[in-house]
Amino acid sequence: MLGIEQIELAKRARVARGTIRRMESFEGEIGARTSTLSKVQAILERAGVEFLGGDQPGVRMRKQPAKPSGS
């Protein structure tokens, strides 16, 4: 979605690259420490990813506010 390489995401979240690789390879719920997941989630949210819950969990890019006309 964002085009961020594993190495860059790991660097930004301050976790090991292997951790990101393992997280990406999981099928279903990710088995990782809550603190690690929180770090990675925070980086992705700052980049514009929105995490969805409820009946249809998933992710999507956050809608950007409309720019005023004439800008």
N, C-alpha and C. Protein backbone atom coordinates (compact mmCIF):
# COMPACT_ATOMS: atom_id res chain seq x y z
N MET A 1 0.82 -1.20 0.00
CA MET A 1 0.00 0.00 0.00
C MET A 1 0.86 1.26 0.00
N LEU A 2 1.87 1.24 0.83
CA LEU A 2 2.70 2.44 0.99
C LEU A 2 3.99 2.39 0.18
N GLY A 3 4.38 1.20 -0.21
CA GLY A 3 5.64 1.04 -0.93
C GLY A 3 6.86 1.18 -0.03
N ILE A 4 6.69 0.93 1.26
CA ILE A 4 7.80 1.00 2.20
C ILE A 4 8.46 -0.38 2.26
N GLU A 5 9.76 -0.43 2.05
CA GLU A 5 10.50 -1.69 2.14
C GLU A 5 10.57 -2.14 3.59
N GLN A 6 10.73 -3.44 3.79
CA GLN A 6 10.82 -4.01 5.14
C GLN A 6 11.92 -3.32 5.96
N ILE A 7 13.05 -3.11 5.36
CA ILE A 7 14.18 -2.51 6.08
C ILE A 7 13.84 -1.11 6.57
N GLU A 8 13.12 -0.35 5.75
CA GLU A 8 12.74 1.02 6.12
C GLU A 8 11.69 1.01 7.23
N LEU A 9 10.70 0.13 7.12
CA LEU A 9 9.67 0.02 8.15
C LEU A 9 10.30 -0.41 9.47
N ALA A 10 11.20 -1.38 9.42
CA ALA A 10 11.89 -1.84 10.63
C ALA A 10 12.68 -0.71 11.27
N LYS A 11 13.34 0.07 10.45
CA LYS A 11 14.14 1.20 10.95
C LYS A 11 13.24 2.23 11.63
N ARG A 12 12.16 2.59 10.95
CA ARG A 12 11.24 3.60 11.50
C ARG A 12 10.59 3.13 12.81
N ALA A 13 10.23 1.84 12.88
CA ALA A 13 9.56 1.30 14.06
C ALA A 13 10.55 0.86 15.14
N ARG A 14 11.82 0.85 14.78
CA ARG A 14 12.88 0.41 15.70
C ARG A 14 12.67 -1.02 16.16
N VAL A 15 12.44 -1.88 15.16
CA VAL A 15 12.36 -3.32 15.39
C VAL A 15 13.27 -4.00 14.37
N ALA A 16 13.56 -5.28 14.58
CA ALA A 16 14.42 -6.02 13.66
C ALA A 16 13.71 -6.27 12.33
N ARG A 17 14.49 -6.29 11.25
CA ARG A 17 13.92 -6.56 9.93
C ARG A 17 13.26 -7.94 9.90
N GLY A 18 13.88 -8.92 10.58
CA GLY A 18 13.31 -10.26 10.64
C GLY A 18 11.92 -10.26 11.27
N THR A 19 11.70 -9.35 12.21
CA THR A 19 10.39 -9.23 12.84
C THR A 19 9.34 -8.80 11.81
N ILE A 20 9.68 -7.82 11.01
CA ILE A 20 8.76 -7.36 9.95
C ILE A 20 8.50 -8.48 8.96
N ARG A 21 9.56 -9.18 8.56
CA ARG A 21 9.43 -10.28 7.61
C ARG A 21 8.48 -11.35 8.17
N ARG A 22 8.65 -11.72 9.44
CA ARG A 22 7.77 -12.72 10.06
C ARG A 22 6.33 -12.21 10.14
N MET A 23 6.16 -10.94 10.49
CA MET A 23 4.81 -10.38 10.59
C MET A 23 4.11 -10.43 9.24
N GLU A 24 4.85 -10.16 8.16
CA GLU A 24 4.25 -10.18 6.83
C GLU A 24 3.90 -11.59 6.36
N SER A 25 4.60 -12.59 6.88
CA SER A 25 4.37 -13.96 6.41
C SER A 25 3.26 -14.69 7.16
N PHE A 26 2.75 -14.11 8.25
CA PHE A 26 1.70 -14.76 9.04
C PHE A 26 0.40 -14.85 8.24
N GLU A 27 -0.27 -15.97 8.41
CA GLU A 27 -1.63 -16.13 7.90
C GLU A 27 -2.54 -15.98 9.11
N GLY A 28 -3.46 -15.06 9.09
CA GLY A 28 -4.34 -14.85 10.23
C GLY A 28 -3.72 -13.90 11.24
N GLU A 29 -4.05 -14.11 12.50
CA GLU A 29 -3.60 -13.22 13.57
C GLU A 29 -2.08 -13.29 13.73
N ILE A 30 -1.45 -12.13 13.85
CA ILE A 30 0.00 -12.05 13.98
C ILE A 30 0.41 -12.37 15.41
N GLY A 31 1.38 -13.27 15.54
CA GLY A 31 1.91 -13.62 16.85
C GLY A 31 3.16 -12.80 17.13
N ALA A 32 3.02 -11.71 17.83
CA ALA A 32 4.15 -10.86 18.19
C ALA A 32 3.82 -10.15 19.48
N ARG A 33 4.83 -9.58 20.09
CA ARG A 33 4.60 -8.82 21.32
C ARG A 33 3.71 -7.62 21.03
N THR A 34 2.87 -7.30 21.99
CA THR A 34 1.96 -6.16 21.83
C THR A 34 2.74 -4.88 21.59
N SER A 35 3.86 -4.69 22.28
CA SER A 35 4.64 -3.47 22.11
C SER A 35 5.21 -3.37 20.70
N THR A 36 5.62 -4.50 20.13
CA THR A 36 6.15 -4.51 18.76
C THR A 36 5.05 -4.17 17.78
N LEU A 37 3.89 -4.80 17.93
CA LEU A 37 2.76 -4.50 17.05
C LEU A 37 2.37 -3.03 17.13
N SER A 38 2.37 -2.48 18.34
CA SER A 38 2.00 -1.08 18.54
C SER A 38 2.97 -0.15 17.83
N LYS A 39 4.26 -0.45 17.87
CA LYS A 39 5.26 0.38 17.19
C LYS A 39 5.03 0.39 15.69
N VAL A 40 4.84 -0.80 15.13
CA VAL A 40 4.64 -0.91 13.68
C VAL A 40 3.32 -0.25 13.28
N GLN A 41 2.26 -0.47 14.04
CA GLN A 41 0.97 0.14 13.74
C GLN A 41 1.07 1.65 13.77
N ALA A 42 1.76 2.21 14.75
CA ALA A 42 1.88 3.67 14.85
C ALA A 42 2.58 4.25 13.63
N ILE A 43 3.62 3.59 13.15
CA ILE A 43 4.34 4.07 11.96
C ILE A 43 3.42 4.03 10.74
N LEU A 44 2.69 2.94 10.59
CA LEU A 44 1.78 2.82 9.44
C LEU A 44 0.65 3.84 9.51
N GLU A 45 0.12 4.09 10.70
CA GLU A 45 -0.94 5.09 10.84
C GLU A 45 -0.42 6.49 10.52
N ARG A 46 0.77 6.80 10.95
CA ARG A 46 1.36 8.12 10.62
C ARG A 46 1.53 8.30 9.11
N ALA A 47 1.72 7.17 8.41
CA ALA A 47 1.89 7.21 6.96
C ALA A 47 0.56 7.23 6.22
N GLY A 48 -0.57 7.15 6.96
CA GLY A 48 -1.88 7.27 6.32
C GLY A 48 -2.71 6.01 6.28
N VAL A 49 -2.24 4.91 6.88
CA VAL A 49 -3.01 3.67 6.90
C VAL A 49 -4.04 3.75 8.04
N GLU A 50 -5.24 3.31 7.74
CA GLU A 50 -6.30 3.26 8.74
C GLU A 50 -6.64 1.79 9.00
N PHE A 51 -6.60 1.37 10.26
CA PHE A 51 -6.93 0.00 10.64
C PHE A 51 -8.41 -0.08 10.95
N LEU A 52 -9.08 -1.06 10.35
CA LEU A 52 -10.52 -1.22 10.49
C LEU A 52 -10.82 -2.38 11.43
N GLY A 53 -11.90 -2.30 12.14
CA GLY A 53 -12.32 -3.38 13.04
C GLY A 53 -13.74 -3.76 12.73
N GLY A 54 -14.39 -4.29 13.71
CA GLY A 54 -15.81 -4.62 13.54
C GLY A 54 -16.02 -5.86 12.72
N ASP A 55 -17.09 -5.86 11.94
CA ASP A 55 -17.48 -7.04 11.16
C ASP A 55 -16.54 -7.32 10.00
N GLN A 56 -15.87 -6.28 9.50
CA GLN A 56 -14.98 -6.44 8.35
C GLN A 56 -13.61 -5.84 8.64
N PRO A 57 -12.79 -6.54 9.46
CA PRO A 57 -11.48 -5.99 9.77
C PRO A 57 -10.59 -5.92 8.54
N GLY A 58 -9.69 -4.98 8.54
CA GLY A 58 -8.78 -4.80 7.41
C GLY A 58 -8.06 -3.48 7.54
N VAL A 59 -7.49 -3.04 6.44
CA VAL A 59 -6.81 -1.75 6.39
C VAL A 59 -7.19 -1.02 5.11
N ARG A 60 -7.05 0.28 5.15
CA ARG A 60 -7.26 1.11 3.96
C ARG A 60 -6.48 2.40 4.17
N MET A 61 -6.29 3.13 3.10
CA MET A 61 -5.64 4.43 3.21
C MET A 61 -6.66 5.43 3.74
N ARG A 62 -6.25 6.23 4.69
CA ARG A 62 -7.11 7.26 5.26
C ARG A 62 -7.44 8.27 4.16
N LYS A 63 -8.67 8.70 4.15
CA LYS A 63 -9.10 9.72 3.18
C LYS A 63 -8.43 11.04 3.51
N GLN A 64 -7.90 11.68 2.50
CA GLN A 64 -7.27 12.98 2.67
C GLN A 64 -8.36 14.06 2.59
N PRO A 65 -8.26 15.08 3.41
CA PRO A 65 -9.24 16.16 3.32
C PRO A 65 -9.17 16.82 1.94
N ALA A 66 -10.32 17.22 1.46
CA ALA A 66 -10.38 17.88 0.15
C ALA A 66 -9.63 19.21 0.23
N LYS A 67 -8.90 19.50 -0.85
CA LYS A 67 -8.20 20.79 -0.92
C LYS A 67 -9.19 21.86 -1.34
N PRO A 68 -9.08 23.04 -0.74
CA PRO A 68 -9.97 24.13 -1.15
C PRO A 68 -9.74 24.48 -2.61
N SER A 69 -10.81 24.82 -3.32
CA SER A 69 -10.65 25.19 -4.73
C SER A 69 -9.85 26.48 -4.83
N GLY A 70 -9.08 26.55 -5.90
CA GLY A 70 -8.26 27.74 -6.12
C GLY A 70 -6.88 27.61 -5.49
N SER A 71 -6.56 26.47 -4.90
CA SER A 71 -5.25 26.28 -4.29
C SER A 71 -4.30 25.60 -5.23
